[in-house]
Every structure is written in structure tokens, then in C-alpha cells.
PDB file of N, CA and C in Angstrom:
ATOM      1  N   MET A   1      -6.268  18.600  -6.067  1.00  0.00           N
ATOM      2  CA  MET A   1      -7.603  19.007  -6.317  1.00  0.00           C
ATOM      3  C   MET A   1      -8.192  18.535  -7.752  1.00  0.00           C
ATOM      4  N   ARG A   2      -9.230  18.318  -7.893  1.00  0.00           N
ATOM      5  CA  ARG A   2      -9.945  17.887  -8.891  1.00  0.00           C
ATOM      6  C   ARG A   2     -11.073  19.030  -9.479  1.00  0.00           C
ATOM      7  N   PRO A   3     -10.589  20.061 -10.434  1.00  0.00           N
ATOM      8  CA  PRO A   3     -11.452  20.827 -10.813  1.00  0.00           C
ATOM      9  C   PRO A   3     -12.749  20.360 -11.866  1.00  0.00           C
ATOM     10  N   ASP A   4     -13.636  21.048 -11.894  1.00  0.00           N
ATOM     11  CA  ASP A   4     -14.863  20.682 -12.656  1.00  0.00           C
ATOM     12  C   ASP A   4     -14.597  21.165 -14.142  1.00  0.00           C
ATOM     13  N   SER A   5     -13.656  22.256 -14.336  1.00  0.00           N
ATOM     14  CA  SER A   5     -13.706  22.708 -15.637  1.00  0.00           C
ATOM     15  C   SER A   5     -12.213  22.982 -15.964  1.00  0.00           C
ATOM     16  N   PRO A   6     -11.817  22.970 -17.161  1.00  0.00           N
ATOM     17  CA  PRO A   6     -10.465  23.214 -17.679  1.00  0.00           C
ATOM     18  C   PRO A   6      -9.998  24.780 -17.319  1.00  0.00           C
ATOM     19  N   ALA A   7     -11.087  25.689 -17.436  1.00  0.00           N
ATOM     20  CA  ALA A   7     -10.919  27.192 -16.972  1.00  0.00           C
ATOM     21  C   ALA A   7     -10.422  26.959 -15.414  1.00  0.00           C
ATOM     22  N   TYR A   8     -11.293  26.498 -14.733  1.00  0.00           N
ATOM     23  CA  TYR A   8     -10.983  26.527 -13.314  1.00  0.00           C
ATOM     24  C   TYR A   8      -9.531  25.616 -12.912  1.00  0.00           C
ATOM     25  N   ALA A   9      -9.248  24.751 -13.777  1.00  0.00           N
ATOM     26  CA  ALA A   9      -7.904  23.992 -13.617  1.00  0.00           C
ATOM     27  C   ALA A   9      -6.725  25.111 -13.571  1.00  0.00           C
ATOM     28  N   THR A  10      -6.836  25.827 -14.765  1.00  0.00           N
ATOM     29  CA  THR A  10      -5.891  26.850 -15.023  1.00  0.00           C
ATOM     30  C   THR A  10      -5.790  27.923 -14.031  1.00  0.00           C
ATOM     31  N   GLN A  11      -6.963  28.302 -13.512  1.00  0.00           N
ATOM     32  CA  GLN A  11      -6.996  29.256 -12.366  1.00  0.00           C
ATOM     33  C   GLN A  11      -6.368  28.724 -11.100  1.00  0.00           C
ATOM     34  N   LEU A  12      -6.507  27.352 -10.798  1.00  0.00           N
ATOM     35  CA  LEU A  12      -5.986  26.871  -9.647  1.00  0.00           C
ATOM     36  C   LEU A  12      -4.360  26.712  -9.946  1.00  0.00           C
ATOM     37  N   ARG A  13      -3.896  26.416 -10.884  1.00  0.00           N
ATOM     38  CA  ARG A  13      -2.445  26.527 -11.133  1.00  0.00           C
ATOM     39  C   ARG A  13      -1.835  27.828 -11.053  1.00  0.00           C
ATOM     40  N   LEU A  14      -2.512  28.878 -11.635  1.00  0.00           N
ATOM     41  CA  LEU A  14      -2.105  30.045 -11.481  1.00  0.00           C
ATOM     42  C   LEU A  14      -1.794  30.680 -10.023  1.00  0.00           C
ATOM     43  N   ILE A  15      -2.931  30.277  -9.117  1.00  0.00           N
ATOM     44  CA  ILE A  15      -2.678  30.660  -7.909  1.00  0.00           C
ATOM     45  C   ILE A  15      -2.467  29.498  -6.869  1.00  0.00           C
ATOM     46  N   SER A  16      -1.771  28.388  -7.360  1.00  0.00           N
ATOM     47  CA  SER A  16      -1.262  27.645  -6.450  1.00  0.00           C
ATOM     48  C   SER A  16      -0.163  28.000  -5.275  1.00  0.00           C
ATOM     49  N   ALA A  17       0.625  28.949  -5.652  1.00  0.00           N
ATOM     50  CA  ALA A  17       1.447  29.376  -4.555  1.00  0.00           C
ATOM     51  C   ALA A  17       0.889  30.233  -3.369  1.00  0.00           C
ATOM     52  N   ARG A  18      -0.433  31.003  -3.880  1.00  0.00           N
ATOM     53  CA  ARG A  18      -1.159  31.572  -2.880  1.00  0.00           C
ATOM     54  C   ARG A  18      -1.923  30.584  -2.067  1.00  0.00           C
ATOM     55  N   ILE A  19      -2.256  29.470  -2.498  1.00  0.00           N
ATOM     56  CA  ILE A  19      -2.910  28.578  -1.949  1.00  0.00           C
ATOM     57  C   ILE A  19      -1.991  27.724  -0.722  1.00  0.00           C
ATOM     58  N   VAL A  20      -0.826  27.495  -1.305  1.00  0.00           N
ATOM     59  CA  VAL A  20       0.226  26.832  -0.462  1.00  0.00           C
ATOM     60  C   VAL A  20       0.436  27.706   0.610  1.00  0.00           C
ATOM     61  N   ALA A  21       0.523  29.107   0.472  1.00  0.00           N
ATOM     62  CA  ALA A  21       0.907  30.109   1.426  1.00  0.00           C
ATOM     63  C   ALA A  21      -0.178  30.222   2.497  1.00  0.00           C
ATOM     64  N   ALA A  22      -1.589  30.173   2.078  1.00  0.00           N
ATOM     65  CA  ALA A  22      -2.485  30.240   2.797  1.00  0.00           C
ATOM     66  C   ALA A  22      -2.793  28.886   3.831  1.00  0.00           C
ATOM     67  N   ALA A  23      -2.468  27.789   3.358  1.00  0.00           N
ATOM     68  CA  ALA A  23      -2.718  26.646   3.959  1.00  0.00           C
ATOM     69  C   ALA A  23      -1.428  26.574   5.136  1.00  0.00           C
ATOM     70  N   ASN A  24      -0.284  27.113   4.693  1.00  0.00           N
ATOM     71  CA  ASN A  24       0.796  27.084   5.705  1.00  0.00           C
ATOM     72  C   ASN A  24       0.564  28.090   6.882  1.00  0.00           C
ATOM     73  N   THR A  25      -0.030  29.200   6.574  1.00  0.00           N
ATOM     74  CA  THR A  25      -0.311  30.169   7.613  1.00  0.00           C
ATOM     75  C   THR A  25      -1.379  29.789   8.342  1.00  0.00           C
ATOM     76  N   SER A  26      -2.313  29.162   7.808  1.00  0.00           N
ATOM     77  CA  SER A  26      -3.417  28.575   8.552  1.00  0.00           C
ATOM     78  C   SER A  26      -3.083  27.347   9.643  1.00  0.00           C
ATOM     79  N   ALA A  27      -2.007  26.707   8.998  1.00  0.00           N
ATOM     80  CA  ALA A  27      -1.550  25.692   9.882  1.00  0.00           C
ATOM     81  C   ALA A  27      -0.339  25.987  10.772  1.00  0.00           C
ATOM     82  N   SER A  28       0.025  27.370  10.597  1.00  0.00           N
ATOM     83  CA  SER A  28       1.191  27.515  11.405  1.00  0.00           C
ATOM     84  C   SER A  28       2.475  26.654  11.314  1.00  0.00           C
ATOM     85  N   THR A  29       2.655  26.272  10.004  1.00  0.00           N
ATOM     86  CA  THR A  29       3.670  25.369   9.682  1.00  0.00           C
ATOM     87  C   THR A  29       4.006  25.595   8.249  1.00  0.00           C
ATOM     88  N   ASP A  30       5.154  24.822   7.640  1.00  0.00           N
ATOM     89  CA  ASP A  30       5.429  24.844   6.376  1.00  0.00           C
ATOM     90  C   ASP A  30       5.498  23.430   5.941  1.00  0.00           C
ATOM     91  N   ALA A  31       4.374  22.722   6.293  1.00  0.00           N
ATOM     92  CA  ALA A  31       4.029  21.394   5.883  1.00  0.00           C
ATOM     93  C   ALA A  31       3.607  21.307   4.307  1.00  0.00           C
ATOM     94  N   VAL A  32       2.717  22.247   3.899  1.00  0.00           N
ATOM     95  CA  VAL A  32       2.383  22.107   2.679  1.00  0.00           C
ATOM     96  C   VAL A  32       3.484  22.787   1.673  1.00  0.00           C
ATOM     97  N   ARG A  33       3.958  21.972   0.683  1.00  0.00           N
ATOM     98  CA  ARG A  33       4.998  22.417  -0.175  1.00  0.00           C
ATOM     99  C   ARG A  33       4.441  22.720  -1.665  1.00  0.00           C
ATOM    100  N   SER A  34       3.307  21.917  -2.085  1.00  0.00           N
ATOM    101  CA  SER A  34       2.732  22.287  -3.430  1.00  0.00           C
ATOM    102  C   SER A  34       1.501  21.603  -3.343  1.00  0.00           C
ATOM    103  N   ILE A  35       0.658  22.005  -4.408  1.00  0.00           N
ATOM    104  CA  ILE A  35      -0.710  21.294  -4.606  1.00  0.00           C
ATOM    105  C   ILE A  35      -0.616  20.520  -5.863  1.00  0.00           C
ATOM    106  N   ARG A  36      -1.389  19.794  -6.211  1.00  0.00           N
ATOM    107  CA  ARG A  36      -1.607  18.994  -7.431  1.00  0.00           C
ATOM    108  C   ARG A  36      -2.947  19.038  -8.012  1.00  0.00           C
ATOM    109  N   VAL A  37      -3.049  19.532  -9.251  1.00  0.00           N
ATOM    110  CA  VAL A  37      -4.357  19.706  -9.968  1.00  0.00           C
ATOM    111  C   VAL A  37      -4.380  18.682 -10.754  1.00  0.00           C
ATOM    112  N   LEU A  38      -5.652  17.825 -10.556  1.00  0.00           N
ATOM    113  CA  LEU A  38      -5.823  16.581 -11.095  1.00  0.00           C
ATOM    114  C   LEU A  38      -6.602  16.720 -12.440  1.00  0.00           C
ATOM    115  N   ALA A  39      -6.758  15.747 -13.205  1.00  0.00           N
ATOM    116  CA  ALA A  39      -7.468  16.054 -14.391  1.00  0.00           C
ATOM    117  C   ALA A  39      -8.985  16.378 -14.261  1.00  0.00           C
ATOM    118  N   VAL A  40      -9.326  17.136 -15.117  1.00  0.00           N
ATOM    119  CA  VAL A  40     -10.755  17.659 -15.093  1.00  0.00           C
ATOM    120  C   VAL A  40     -11.818  16.344 -14.970  1.00  0.00           C
ATOM    121  N   GLY A  41     -12.795  16.498 -14.110  1.00  0.00           N
ATOM    122  CA  GLY A  41     -13.914  15.528 -14.024  1.00  0.00           C
ATOM    123  C   GLY A  41     -14.373  15.129 -12.760  1.00  0.00           C
ATOM    124  N   PRO A  42     -15.300  14.429 -12.697  1.00  0.00           N
ATOM    125  CA  PRO A  42     -15.822  14.034 -11.172  1.00  0.00           C
ATOM    126  C   PRO A  42     -14.831  13.056 -10.591  1.00  0.00           C
ATOM    127  N   ALA A  43     -14.934  13.072  -9.099  1.00  0.00           N
ATOM    128  CA  ALA A  43     -13.707  12.198  -8.403  1.00  0.00           C
ATOM    129  C   ALA A  43     -14.188  10.842  -8.720  1.00  0.00           C
ATOM    130  N   PRO A  44     -13.394   9.722  -8.733  1.00  0.00           N
ATOM    131  CA  PRO A  44     -13.760   8.464  -8.749  1.00  0.00           C
ATOM    132  C   PRO A  44     -14.564   8.000  -7.645  1.00  0.00           C
ATOM    133  N   ALA A  45     -15.579   7.021  -7.829  1.00  0.00           N
ATOM    134  CA  ALA A  45     -16.174   6.434  -6.800  1.00  0.00           C
ATOM    135  C   ALA A  45     -15.252   5.744  -5.823  1.00  0.00           C
ATOM    136  N   PRO A  46     -15.484   5.792  -4.650  1.00  0.00           N
ATOM    137  CA  PRO A  46     -14.903   5.055  -3.540  1.00  0.00           C
ATOM    138  C   PRO A  46     -14.998   3.503  -3.705  1.00  0.00           C
ATOM    139  N   ARG A  47     -13.821   2.928  -3.479  1.00  0.00           N
ATOM    140  CA  ARG A  47     -13.875   1.509  -3.412  1.00  0.00           C
ATOM    141  C   ARG A  47     -14.622   0.961  -2.329  1.00  0.00           C
ATOM    142  N   THR A  48     -15.369  -0.008  -2.748  1.00  0.00           N
ATOM    143  CA  THR A  48     -16.036  -0.856  -1.657  1.00  0.00           C
ATOM    144  C   THR A  48     -15.821  -2.173  -1.312  1.00  0.00           C
ATOM    145  N   GLU A  49     -15.171  -2.882  -2.430  1.00  0.00           N
ATOM    146  CA  GLU A  49     -14.593  -4.252  -2.016  1.00  0.00           C
ATOM    147  C   GLU A  49     -13.299  -4.063  -1.281  1.00  0.00           C
ATOM    148  N   GLN A  50     -12.928  -5.128  -0.729  1.00  0.00           N
ATOM    149  CA  GLN A  50     -11.510  -5.247   0.035  1.00  0.00           C
ATOM    150  C   GLN A  50     -10.678  -5.498  -0.943  1.00  0.00           C
ATOM    151  N   PRO A  51      -9.436  -5.085  -0.906  1.00  0.00           N
ATOM    152  CA  PRO A  51      -8.328  -5.269  -1.571  1.00  0.00           C
ATOM    153  C   PRO A  51      -7.897  -6.775  -1.876  1.00  0.00           C
ATOM    154  N   PHE A  52      -7.979  -7.345  -0.873  1.00  0.00           N
ATOM    155  CA  PHE A  52      -7.773  -8.844  -0.590  1.00  0.00           C
ATOM    156  C   PHE A  52      -8.534  -9.504   0.716  1.00  0.00           C
ATOM    157  N   SER A  53      -8.733 -10.767   0.605  1.00  0.00           N
ATOM    158  CA  SER A  53      -9.291 -11.314   1.745  1.00  0.00           C
ATOM    159  C   SER A  53      -8.339 -12.287   2.562  1.00  0.00           C
ATOM    160  N   VAL A  54      -8.450 -12.194   3.698  1.00  0.00           N
ATOM    161  CA  VAL A  54      -7.662 -12.977   4.654  1.00  0.00           C
ATOM    162  C   VAL A  54      -8.238 -14.238   4.985  1.00  0.00           C
ATOM    163  N   THR A  55      -7.464 -15.305   4.517  1.00  0.00           N
ATOM    164  CA  THR A  55      -7.802 -16.696   4.836  1.00  0.00           C
ATOM    165  C   THR A  55      -6.949 -17.362   5.856  1.00  0.00           C
ATOM    166  N   PRO A  56      -7.442 -17.995   6.735  1.00  0.00           N
ATOM    167  CA  PRO A  56      -6.738 -18.671   7.823  1.00  0.00           C
ATOM    168  C   PRO A  56      -5.688 -19.844   7.243  1.00  0.00           C
ATOM    169  N   ALA A  57      -4.644 -19.871   7.485  1.00  0.00           N
ATOM    170  CA  ALA A  57      -3.751 -20.942   6.796  1.00  0.00           C
ATOM    171  C   ALA A  57      -4.111 -22.516   7.413  1.00  0.00           C
ATOM    172  N   VAL A  58      -4.598 -22.474   8.620  1.00  0.00           N
ATOM    173  CA  VAL A  58      -5.100 -23.814   8.915  1.00  0.00           C
ATOM    174  C   VAL A  58      -6.602 -23.882   9.064  1.00  0.00           C
ATOM    175  N   PRO A  59      -7.000 -24.811   8.677  1.00  0.00           N
ATOM    176  CA  PRO A  59      -8.661 -24.828   8.614  1.00  0.00           C
ATOM    177  C   PRO A  59      -9.298 -24.814   9.932  1.00  0.00           C
ATOM    178  N   VAL A  60     -10.631 -23.842  10.046  1.00  0.00           N
ATOM    179  CA  VAL A  60     -10.921 -23.577  11.307  1.00  0.00           C
ATOM    180  C   VAL A  60     -11.994 -24.649  11.510  1.00  0.00           C
ATOM    181  N   PRO A  61     -12.025 -25.452  12.568  1.00  0.00           N
ATOM    182  CA  PRO A  61     -12.973 -26.557  12.800  1.00  0.00           C
ATOM    183  C   PRO A  61     -14.239 -25.978  13.143  1.00  0.00           C
ATOM    184  N   PRO A  62     -15.476 -26.802  12.918  1.00  0.00           N
ATOM    185  CA  PRO A  62     -16.758 -26.066  13.093  1.00  0.00           C
ATOM    186  C   PRO A  62     -17.130 -25.915  14.567  1.00  0.00           C
ATOM    187  N   LEU A  63     -17.806 -25.020  14.965  1.00  0.00           N
ATOM    188  CA  LEU A  63     -18.297 -24.623  16.279  1.00  0.00           C
ATOM    189  C   LEU A  63     -19.092 -26.017  16.728  1.00  0.00           C
ATOM    190  N   LEU A  64     -18.738 -26.332  17.993  1.00  0.00           N
ATOM    191  CA  LEU A  64     -19.596 -27.330  18.707  1.00  0.00           C
ATOM    192  C   LEU A  64     -20.589 -26.854  19.364  1.00  0.00           C
ATOM    193  N   ARG A  65     -21.905 -27.404  19.101  1.00  0.00           N
ATOM    194  CA  ARG A  65     -23.110 -26.783  19.840  1.00  0.00           C
ATOM    195  C   ARG A  65     -23.586 -27.811  20.857  1.00  0.00           C
ATOM    196  N   ARG A  66     -24.183 -27.251  22.002  1.00  0.00           N
ATOM    197  CA  ARG A  66     -24.507 -28.023  23.177  1.00  0.00           C
ATOM    198  C   ARG A  66     -26.051 -28.179  22.870  1.00  0.00           C
ATOM    199  N   HIS A  67     -26.530 -29.400  23.018  1.00  0.00           N
ATOM    200  CA  HIS A  67     -27.860 -29.775  22.750  1.00  0.00           C
ATOM    201  C   HIS A  67     -28.551 -29.580  23.881  1.00  0.00           C
ATOM    202  N   ARG A  68     -29.864 -29.159  23.940  1.00  0.00           N
ATOM    203  CA  ARG A  68     -30.488 -29.071  25.013  1.00  0.00           C
ATOM    204  C   ARG A  68     -31.500 -30.028  25.400  1.00  0.00           C
TER     205      ARG A  68
END
């Protein structure tokens, strides 16, 4: 979770056990073990560029076009 203010971050840390219990009850499982309260501030912008580009190992020949 990323709160908007330090006060809200403190509140989330204090009630984290209740949040975990509510999530597990809602999902009928014990999959949620803890929550992490991140630093105060806006969420980072999503990445738009690709982390890497895939280049072919063998050069691709140009496409042949049929003349009309």
C-alpha cells in the first residue's frame, strides 16, 4: 500500500493485522500473511518502454514484391 500521508501510513501499520485477517476471510484462505506499507507519495508512473528489444540473430531478407 502507498499512503498519501504519514498519518495514514501509521494508521495502516497499526491495523495491518486486521487488514490481513479481513483479506483472508474474504478469500477463504490463508494466502495473505502480511502487507507492506510503502513510502508516502504518489505511485510511480507505469513504464511505457520495453525493458529490452528482441533482435533476430540472423538478418531477415527484405520482402519480395510482385510487380503488376
